[in-house]
């Protein structure tokens, strides 16, 4: 049997706390970035020009959307 055990080894409570802290920090980082991206896109408006000539299936449809930056 392994008699050389420690509660503070990286495969014990310490490892669990390190992994939990790392996952929570990644979650906080991604949440803050998602909120900043959403805020930037909420202030950006788009206008559709020449909507009569938009085809249902076409690779040229992106030319009809114009970004309107109102600040």
N, C-alpha and C. Protein backbone atom coordinates (compact mmCIF):
# COMPACT_ATOMS: atom_id res chain seq x y z
N UNK A 1 0.81 -1.19 0.00
CA UNK A 1 0.00 0.00 0.00
C UNK A 1 0.86 1.25 0.00
N UNK A 2 0.28 2.30 -0.47
CA UNK A 2 0.99 3.57 -0.51
C UNK A 2 0.77 4.29 0.81
N UNK A 3 1.80 4.34 1.64
CA UNK A 3 1.71 5.00 2.95
C UNK A 3 2.14 6.46 2.86
N UNK A 4 2.53 6.93 1.68
CA UNK A 4 3.06 8.27 1.53
C UNK A 4 1.98 9.18 0.95
N UNK A 5 0.94 9.42 1.70
CA UNK A 5 -0.19 10.23 1.23
C UNK A 5 -0.13 11.61 1.87
N UNK A 6 -0.71 12.59 1.14
CA UNK A 6 -0.76 13.94 1.68
C UNK A 6 -2.07 14.58 1.23
N UNK A 7 -2.72 15.26 2.13
CA UNK A 7 -3.98 15.93 1.78
C UNK A 7 -3.73 17.17 0.93
N UNK A 8 -2.49 17.71 0.99
CA UNK A 8 -2.18 18.92 0.23
C UNK A 8 -1.42 18.63 -1.06
N UNK A 9 -1.44 17.40 -1.53
CA UNK A 9 -0.82 17.06 -2.80
C UNK A 9 -1.69 17.61 -3.94
N UNK A 10 -1.09 17.73 -5.12
CA UNK A 10 -1.83 18.31 -6.25
C UNK A 10 -2.97 17.41 -6.72
N UNK A 11 -2.99 16.18 -6.32
CA UNK A 11 -4.11 15.32 -6.69
C UNK A 11 -5.15 15.25 -5.57
N UNK A 12 -5.05 16.12 -4.61
CA UNK A 12 -6.00 16.15 -3.51
C UNK A 12 -6.81 17.44 -3.52
N UNK A 13 -6.98 18.01 -2.35
CA UNK A 13 -7.78 19.23 -2.21
C UNK A 13 -7.13 20.40 -2.93
N UNK A 14 -5.81 20.50 -2.86
CA UNK A 14 -5.12 21.60 -3.52
C UNK A 14 -5.33 21.56 -5.02
N UNK A 15 -5.22 20.41 -5.62
CA UNK A 15 -5.45 20.28 -7.06
C UNK A 15 -6.87 20.63 -7.45
N UNK A 16 -7.82 20.22 -6.62
CA UNK A 16 -9.21 20.55 -6.89
C UNK A 16 -9.43 22.06 -6.81
N UNK A 17 -8.84 22.72 -5.81
CA UNK A 17 -8.99 24.17 -5.67
C UNK A 17 -8.31 24.92 -6.81
N UNK A 18 -7.15 24.44 -7.25
CA UNK A 18 -6.46 25.07 -8.38
C UNK A 18 -7.30 24.93 -9.65
N UNK A 19 -7.83 23.74 -9.89
CA UNK A 19 -8.66 23.52 -11.08
C UNK A 19 -9.93 24.36 -11.04
N UNK A 20 -10.56 24.44 -9.86
CA UNK A 20 -11.78 25.25 -9.73
C UNK A 20 -11.48 26.73 -9.94
N UNK A 21 -10.40 27.21 -9.36
CA UNK A 21 -10.02 28.61 -9.55
C UNK A 21 -9.69 28.92 -11.00
N UNK A 22 -9.01 27.99 -11.67
CA UNK A 22 -8.68 28.19 -13.08
C UNK A 22 -9.95 28.22 -13.94
N UNK A 23 -10.87 27.32 -13.69
CA UNK A 23 -12.11 27.31 -14.45
C UNK A 23 -12.96 28.56 -14.21
N UNK A 24 -13.00 29.03 -12.96
CA UNK A 24 -13.76 30.25 -12.67
C UNK A 24 -13.12 31.48 -13.29
N UNK A 25 -11.80 31.53 -13.33
CA UNK A 25 -11.13 32.67 -13.96
C UNK A 25 -11.35 32.66 -15.48
N UNK A 26 -11.34 31.48 -16.09
CA UNK A 26 -11.64 31.39 -17.53
C UNK A 26 -13.08 31.82 -17.79
N UNK A 27 -14.00 31.40 -16.95
CA UNK A 27 -15.40 31.80 -17.09
C UNK A 27 -15.56 33.31 -16.97
N UNK A 28 -14.89 33.92 -16.00
CA UNK A 28 -14.98 35.37 -15.82
C UNK A 28 -14.39 36.10 -17.03
N UNK A 29 -13.26 35.63 -17.55
CA UNK A 29 -12.63 36.25 -18.71
C UNK A 29 -13.54 36.19 -19.93
N UNK A 30 -14.12 35.02 -20.20
CA UNK A 30 -14.99 34.88 -21.37
C UNK A 30 -16.29 35.68 -21.21
N UNK A 31 -16.81 35.79 -19.99
CA UNK A 31 -18.02 36.56 -19.76
C UNK A 31 -17.79 38.05 -20.00
N UNK A 32 -16.68 38.56 -19.50
CA UNK A 32 -16.36 39.98 -19.71
C UNK A 32 -16.15 40.27 -21.18
N UNK A 33 -15.45 39.39 -21.89
CA UNK A 33 -15.25 39.60 -23.33
C UNK A 33 -16.57 39.52 -24.10
N UNK A 34 -17.44 38.61 -23.74
CA UNK A 34 -18.73 38.50 -24.41
C UNK A 34 -19.58 39.74 -24.19
N UNK A 35 -19.52 40.29 -22.98
CA UNK A 35 -20.29 41.51 -22.70
C UNK A 35 -19.74 42.70 -23.49
N UNK A 36 -18.43 42.81 -23.65
CA UNK A 36 -17.86 43.92 -24.42
C UNK A 36 -18.18 43.79 -25.90
N UNK A 37 -18.17 42.56 -26.42
CA UNK A 37 -18.52 42.35 -27.83
C UNK A 37 -20.00 42.68 -28.06
N UNK A 38 -20.86 42.26 -27.14
CA UNK A 38 -22.29 42.55 -27.27
C UNK A 38 -22.55 44.05 -27.20
N UNK A 39 -21.85 44.75 -26.33
CA UNK A 39 -22.01 46.21 -26.22
C UNK A 39 -21.55 46.90 -27.49
N UNK A 40 -20.44 46.46 -28.06
CA UNK A 40 -19.94 47.09 -29.28
C UNK A 40 -20.89 46.86 -30.44
N UNK A 41 -21.49 45.69 -30.53
CA UNK A 41 -22.41 45.42 -31.63
C UNK A 41 -23.79 46.00 -31.39
N UNK A 42 -24.16 46.28 -30.14
CA UNK A 42 -25.45 46.89 -29.88
C UNK A 42 -25.46 48.35 -30.34
N UNK A 43 -24.30 48.97 -30.38
CA UNK A 43 -24.21 50.37 -30.80
C UNK A 43 -23.95 50.50 -32.30
N UNK A 44 -23.79 49.40 -33.01
CA UNK A 44 -23.52 49.42 -34.43
C UNK A 44 -24.79 49.05 -35.19
N UNK A 45 -25.25 49.95 -36.05
CA UNK A 45 -26.48 49.72 -36.79
C UNK A 45 -26.17 49.39 -38.24
N UNK A 46 -27.05 48.62 -38.85
CA UNK A 46 -26.88 48.23 -40.24
C UNK A 46 -28.08 48.70 -41.04
N UNK A 47 -27.83 49.03 -42.29
CA UNK A 47 -28.89 49.46 -43.19
C UNK A 47 -28.84 48.57 -44.43
N UNK A 48 -29.99 48.14 -44.89
CA UNK A 48 -30.08 47.33 -46.10
C UNK A 48 -30.37 48.25 -47.26
N UNK A 49 -29.51 48.23 -48.26
CA UNK A 49 -29.72 49.07 -49.44
C UNK A 49 -30.12 48.20 -50.63
N UNK A 50 -30.93 48.73 -51.46
CA UNK A 50 -31.38 48.08 -52.69
C UNK A 50 -31.98 46.70 -52.40
N UNK A 51 -32.96 46.69 -51.49
CA UNK A 51 -33.53 45.41 -51.05
C UNK A 51 -34.33 44.69 -52.13
N UNK A 52 -34.71 45.37 -53.19
CA UNK A 52 -35.47 44.73 -54.27
C UNK A 52 -34.61 43.78 -55.11
N UNK A 53 -33.32 43.99 -55.10
CA UNK A 53 -32.43 43.17 -55.93
C UNK A 53 -31.70 42.09 -55.15
N UNK A 54 -32.11 41.82 -53.92
CA UNK A 54 -31.48 40.75 -53.14
C UNK A 54 -32.04 39.42 -53.62
N UNK A 55 -31.14 38.51 -53.95
CA UNK A 55 -31.55 37.18 -54.41
C UNK A 55 -31.60 36.23 -53.23
N UNK A 56 -32.41 35.21 -53.34
CA UNK A 56 -32.58 34.26 -52.24
C UNK A 56 -31.28 33.50 -51.97
N UNK A 57 -30.65 32.98 -53.01
CA UNK A 57 -29.40 32.23 -52.87
C UNK A 57 -28.36 32.93 -53.74
N UNK A 58 -27.47 33.66 -53.08
CA UNK A 58 -26.43 34.37 -53.79
C UNK A 58 -25.27 34.66 -52.85
N UNK A 59 -24.08 34.61 -53.40
CA UNK A 59 -22.91 34.96 -52.60
C UNK A 59 -22.66 36.46 -52.60
N UNK A 60 -23.43 37.21 -53.34
CA UNK A 60 -23.26 38.66 -53.44
C UNK A 60 -24.19 39.43 -52.49
N UNK A 61 -24.92 38.74 -51.63
CA UNK A 61 -25.88 39.40 -50.74
C UNK A 61 -25.22 40.28 -49.69
N UNK A 62 -23.96 40.03 -49.37
CA UNK A 62 -23.28 40.85 -48.37
C UNK A 62 -23.11 42.29 -48.82
N UNK A 63 -23.17 42.54 -50.11
CA UNK A 63 -23.00 43.91 -50.63
C UNK A 63 -24.20 44.80 -50.33
N UNK A 64 -25.33 44.22 -49.95
CA UNK A 64 -26.54 44.99 -49.68
C UNK A 64 -26.59 45.49 -48.23
N UNK A 65 -25.71 45.02 -47.37
CA UNK A 65 -25.72 45.44 -45.96
C UNK A 65 -24.63 46.46 -45.74
N UNK A 66 -25.02 47.63 -45.25
CA UNK A 66 -24.08 48.73 -45.01
C UNK A 66 -24.08 49.04 -43.53
N UNK A 67 -22.89 49.16 -42.96
CA UNK A 67 -22.77 49.49 -41.54
C UNK A 67 -22.91 51.00 -41.36
N UNK A 68 -23.78 51.40 -40.43
CA UNK A 68 -23.99 52.81 -40.13
C UNK A 68 -23.47 53.04 -38.72
N UNK A 69 -22.35 53.71 -38.58
CA UNK A 69 -21.75 53.96 -37.27
C UNK A 69 -22.22 55.31 -36.75
N UNK A 70 -23.17 55.29 -35.84
CA UNK A 70 -23.69 56.50 -35.25
C UNK A 70 -23.06 56.65 -33.88
N UNK A 71 -22.33 57.72 -33.67
CA UNK A 71 -21.69 57.95 -32.37
C UNK A 71 -21.94 59.35 -31.90
